[in-house]
Amino acid sequence: MTRLNQPGLRPGLRLLGVCAVALLSAVSSLPQSVAGARAKTTEITFFAGISSSVNPEKGQSLPQLQVNASSPYGGRIAYNFTEDHAVEFTVANPPSIHANYVYNFAPIQVRPKAKFVLYLTAGVGGSRYGVELRDSSGNLIAREEGPDRHTTAFTANFGGGLKYHLTGRLALRFDARDVVGRYQATFANVLGVTGGIVRGRQTYNDLQLTGGIVFVFGGR
C-alpha cells in the first residue's frame, strides 16, 4: 500500500476534480438516443486494485493511532431500476460492506456493440481495518498487551468510474472512490506513558483505485 501525505495530494485531487467536471459536462451534452445501463438488469462485478491513505491529523498529540489498510478486492452486485438509477452492494477486503446509490450517465458509443458509460456513486457501510500505535518517527510502540489489533468503524464512500461494455452481457469496469471512517482503539500497558493507557482516534481516508469485470443478467 502506498502512503501519500495530504499536502502533496491536494494539487492532484484538484486537477482530478477539474478533469472530472469537464468530462461530465461533455458527457451530459451527448445525445440521449444510445441506451446506457439496461433497465431491470443485475450486474455482478469482481474487482481488485490498490489503495493510498490520507491521515489528516498529523499534528495530534503522540503517540497516535495508525490505521492500516490493504489492497482492496471483492465483489459488487447492482440492480438497475432504470437506465440511469441503480443500487449496489459491495463486500470486500479489507473486511467491509457498503450499500451505494449509482447514477449512470448517457453512454459514449465507440463502435456498434461497444460503449463507455460513466457513473457516480455514494453510500454508507462499515469497514474493519488494522490499527497500531506509533511514535513521531512512525515506529511501532512496544507494549505488553493491547486490544485486538483491528477495529470496526462506520464508513461513508463516494466516487465514480466508467464501464466499457464489450457486449450486452460483459463489461470492463474502472472505479475510484474514497472510503472515510473514524477509527478508535484503547491500548493498555504502553511503555513510557503514565498509567500505560492510550486511547487513540483517527479519521482515515482510504483512496481506492480498482478494476474489474462485469457480468450482466436479465433485461432484454
Protein backbone atom coordinates (compact mmCIF):
# COMPACT_ATOMS: atom_id res chain seq x y z
CA MET A 1 0.00 0.00 0.00
CA THR A 2 1.32 3.45 -0.96
CA ARG A 3 1.04 6.19 1.62
CA LEU A 4 0.64 9.81 0.48
CA ASN A 5 0.82 12.90 2.65
CA GLN A 6 -2.13 15.20 2.48
CA PRO A 7 -0.42 18.43 1.24
CA GLY A 8 1.21 16.62 -1.66
CA LEU A 9 -2.04 15.02 -2.68
CA ARG A 10 -4.14 18.19 -2.84
CA PRO A 11 -2.89 19.51 -6.24
CA GLY A 12 -3.55 16.13 -7.82
CA LEU A 13 -7.04 15.94 -6.33
CA ARG A 14 -7.85 19.46 -7.58
CA LEU A 15 -6.66 18.56 -11.08
CA LEU A 16 -8.66 15.33 -10.97
CA GLY A 17 -11.74 17.29 -9.89
CA VAL A 18 -11.40 19.81 -12.74
CA CYS A 19 -10.95 17.00 -15.28
CA ALA A 20 -13.96 15.13 -13.86
CA VAL A 21 -16.21 18.20 -14.10
CA ALA A 22 -15.10 18.87 -17.68
CA LEU A 23 -15.62 15.24 -18.64
CA LEU A 24 -19.06 15.01 -17.04
CA SER A 25 -20.11 18.28 -18.71
CA ALA A 26 -19.11 16.86 -22.09
CA VAL A 27 -20.96 13.63 -21.43
CA SER A 28 -24.14 15.39 -20.33
CA SER A 29 -24.27 17.22 -23.69
CA LEU A 30 -24.25 13.98 -25.70
CA PRO A 31 -27.42 12.79 -27.47
CA GLN A 32 -29.51 10.54 -25.25
CA SER A 33 -30.54 8.12 -28.01
CA VAL A 34 -27.90 5.47 -27.16
CA ALA A 35 -29.03 3.24 -24.30
CA GLY A 36 -26.82 3.08 -21.21
CA ALA A 37 -27.27 0.51 -18.48
CA ARG A 38 -30.37 -1.51 -19.34
CA ALA A 39 -33.35 -1.24 -17.02
CA LYS A 40 -34.23 -4.20 -14.80
CA THR A 41 -30.82 -5.84 -15.11
CA THR A 42 -28.47 -7.22 -12.46
CA GLU A 43 -24.72 -6.62 -12.66
CA ILE A 44 -22.16 -8.73 -10.80
CA THR A 45 -18.64 -7.27 -10.61
CA PHE A 46 -15.41 -8.92 -9.45
CA PHE A 47 -12.67 -6.36 -8.75
CA ALA A 48 -9.18 -5.79 -7.34
CA GLY A 49 -6.93 -2.77 -7.03
CA ILE A 50 -4.68 -0.57 -4.91
CA SER A 51 -5.23 1.98 -2.15
CA SER A 52 -3.50 5.10 -0.82
CA SER A 53 -4.12 6.66 2.58
CA VAL A 54 -4.56 10.24 3.76
CA ASN A 55 -4.31 10.86 7.51
CA PRO A 56 -5.47 14.46 8.15
CA GLU A 57 -4.50 14.58 11.85
CA LYS A 58 -0.70 14.58 11.69
CA GLY A 59 -0.49 17.34 14.28
CA GLN A 60 -2.28 15.47 17.05
CA SER A 61 -0.55 14.51 20.31
CA LEU A 62 1.74 11.49 20.30
CA PRO A 63 1.70 8.54 20.43
CA GLN A 64 -1.06 8.32 17.85
CA LEU A 65 -3.27 5.72 16.28
CA GLN A 66 -2.18 4.40 12.90
CA VAL A 67 -4.85 2.82 10.66
CA ASN A 68 -3.60 0.22 8.18
CA ALA A 69 -5.50 -0.82 5.08
CA SER A 70 -4.53 -3.33 2.41
CA SER A 71 -5.11 -3.83 -1.31
CA PRO A 72 -8.87 -3.92 -1.96
CA TYR A 73 -10.56 -6.82 -3.71
CA GLY A 74 -14.03 -8.34 -3.64
CA GLY A 75 -17.40 -8.32 -5.37
CA ARG A 76 -20.28 -6.00 -6.11
CA ILE A 77 -23.87 -6.72 -7.09
CA ALA A 78 -26.02 -3.95 -8.59
CA TYR A 79 -29.61 -3.72 -9.74
CA ASN A 80 -30.50 -1.15 -12.42
CA PHE A 81 -34.02 0.13 -11.80
CA THR A 82 -33.77 2.31 -14.91
CA GLU A 83 -31.05 3.17 -17.41
CA ASP A 84 -29.85 5.91 -15.05
CA HIS A 85 -30.53 4.78 -11.47
CA ALA A 86 -29.17 1.75 -9.63
CA VAL A 87 -28.45 0.43 -6.15
CA GLU A 88 -25.30 -1.57 -5.43
CA PHE A 89 -23.93 -3.68 -2.56
CA THR A 90 -20.22 -4.32 -2.04
CA VAL A 91 -18.43 -6.97 0.03
CA ALA A 92 -14.65 -6.57 0.01
CA ASN A 93 -11.29 -6.91 1.66
CA PRO A 94 -10.24 -5.13 3.89
CA PRO A 95 -13.35 -6.60 5.57
CA SER A 96 -16.11 -4.19 4.62
CA ILE A 97 -19.67 -3.99 3.39
CA HIS A 98 -21.32 -1.00 1.73
CA ALA A 99 -24.65 -0.06 0.16
CA ASN A 100 -24.45 2.55 -2.62
CA TYR A 101 -26.59 4.58 -4.97
CA VAL A 102 -25.25 4.68 -8.55
CA TYR A 103 -26.11 7.22 -11.24
CA ASN A 104 -25.24 6.21 -14.82
CA PHE A 105 -24.65 8.96 -17.39
CA ALA A 106 -25.54 8.70 -21.07
CA PRO A 107 -23.01 6.44 -22.83
CA ILE A 108 -20.29 7.25 -25.33
CA GLN A 109 -20.65 4.97 -28.34
CA VAL A 110 -17.25 3.79 -29.64
CA ARG A 111 -18.41 1.09 -32.08
CA PRO A 112 -21.73 -0.66 -32.82
CA LYS A 113 -21.60 -3.07 -29.88
CA ALA A 114 -19.21 -1.28 -27.51
CA LYS A 115 -19.65 1.85 -25.41
CA PHE A 116 -18.31 3.73 -22.38
CA VAL A 117 -20.69 4.51 -19.52
CA LEU A 118 -19.56 6.98 -16.83
CA TYR A 119 -21.15 6.82 -13.38
CA LEU A 120 -21.09 8.46 -9.95
CA THR A 121 -21.69 6.62 -6.69
CA ALA A 122 -22.04 7.29 -2.95
CA GLY A 123 -23.01 5.15 0.01
CA VAL A 124 -22.50 4.02 3.60
CA GLY A 125 -21.44 0.89 5.42
CA GLY A 126 -18.75 -0.42 7.74
CA SER A 127 -15.08 -1.38 7.49
CA ARG A 128 -12.70 -3.30 9.76
CA TYR A 129 -9.07 -2.16 9.48
CA GLY A 130 -5.90 -2.99 11.34
CA VAL A 131 -4.69 -0.44 13.91
CA GLU A 132 -1.34 0.21 15.57
CA LEU A 133 0.15 2.73 17.98
CA ARG A 134 3.21 4.60 16.61
CA ASP A 135 5.59 7.34 17.70
CA SER A 136 6.58 10.53 15.85
CA SER A 137 9.08 8.60 13.70
CA GLY A 138 6.47 6.09 12.63
CA ASN A 139 7.94 3.30 14.75
CA LEU A 140 5.68 0.75 16.38
CA ILE A 141 5.50 1.38 20.13
CA ALA A 142 6.33 -1.66 22.26
CA ARG A 143 3.58 -2.79 24.61
CA GLU A 144 2.97 -5.83 26.74
CA GLU A 145 -0.63 -6.26 25.72
CA GLY A 146 -3.44 -4.44 23.98
CA PRO A 147 -6.73 -4.86 22.16
CA ASP A 148 -7.34 -6.97 19.10
CA ARG A 149 -5.29 -5.05 16.54
CA HIS A 150 -8.35 -4.44 14.35
CA THR A 151 -11.24 -2.05 14.85
CA THR A 152 -14.56 -1.56 13.07
CA ALA A 153 -15.96 1.83 12.10
CA PHE A 154 -18.99 3.26 10.32
CA THR A 155 -17.76 4.49 6.94
CA ALA A 156 -19.02 6.54 4.02
CA ASN A 157 -17.72 6.35 0.47
CA PHE A 158 -18.06 8.36 -2.71
CA GLY A 159 -16.51 8.34 -6.15
CA GLY A 160 -17.14 7.24 -9.71
CA GLY A 161 -15.74 5.47 -12.70
CA LEU A 162 -16.50 4.03 -16.09
CA LYS A 163 -17.69 0.80 -17.63
CA TYR A 164 -16.54 -0.30 -21.06
CA HIS A 165 -19.28 -2.55 -22.45
CA LEU A 166 -17.78 -5.18 -24.73
CA THR A 167 -21.16 -6.83 -25.32
CA GLY A 168 -24.62 -6.58 -23.81
CA ARG A 169 -23.60 -9.11 -21.15
CA LEU A 170 -19.94 -8.33 -20.48
CA ALA A 171 -18.06 -5.16 -19.48
CA LEU A 172 -14.79 -3.94 -18.01
CA ARG A 173 -15.03 -1.55 -15.07
CA PHE A 174 -12.64 1.01 -13.56
CA ASP A 175 -13.55 2.69 -10.27
CA ALA A 176 -12.08 5.40 -8.00
CA ARG A 177 -13.55 6.15 -4.59
CA ASP A 178 -12.70 7.48 -1.12
CA VAL A 179 -13.72 5.41 1.91
CA VAL A 180 -13.84 7.64 5.02
CA GLY A 181 -14.13 6.38 8.60
CA ARG A 182 -13.47 7.49 12.19
CA TYR A 183 -11.48 4.78 13.98
CA GLN A 184 -10.68 4.50 17.69
CA ALA A 185 -8.94 1.99 19.95
CA THR A 186 -7.62 1.69 23.52
CA PHE A 187 -4.14 0.31 24.21
CA ALA A 188 -3.01 -0.96 27.63
CA ASN A 189 0.45 -1.20 29.24
CA VAL A 190 2.10 1.20 26.80
CA LEU A 191 5.72 1.81 27.81
CA GLY A 192 6.65 5.41 28.60
CA VAL A 193 3.06 6.56 29.13
CA THR A 194 1.75 7.47 32.59
CA GLY A 195 -0.76 4.81 33.58
CA GLY A 196 0.09 2.82 30.46
CA ILE A 197 -3.27 3.59 28.83
CA VAL A 198 -3.55 5.28 25.43
CA ARG A 199 -6.84 5.99 23.68
CA GLY A 200 -6.36 6.82 20.03
CA ARG A 201 -8.69 8.25 17.40
CA GLN A 202 -8.05 8.75 13.71
CA THR A 203 -10.12 9.93 10.75
CA TYR A 204 -8.92 7.80 7.87
CA ASN A 205 -9.36 8.34 4.13
CA ASP A 206 -8.72 5.21 2.08
CA LEU A 207 -8.45 6.22 -1.60
CA GLN A 208 -9.15 3.10 -3.67
CA LEU A 209 -8.49 2.54 -7.38
CA THR A 210 -9.90 -0.72 -8.71
CA GLY A 211 -10.52 -2.54 -11.97
CA GLY A 212 -12.79 -5.47 -12.63
CA ILE A 213 -15.04 -7.45 -14.91
CA VAL A 214 -18.84 -7.10 -15.00
CA PHE A 215 -21.40 -9.78 -15.90
CA VAL A 216 -24.90 -8.55 -16.79
CA PHE A 217 -28.03 -10.66 -16.23
CA GLY A 218 -31.70 -10.10 -17.01
CA GLY A 219 -33.34 -7.38 -19.05
CA ARG A 220 -33.96 -7.54 -22.75
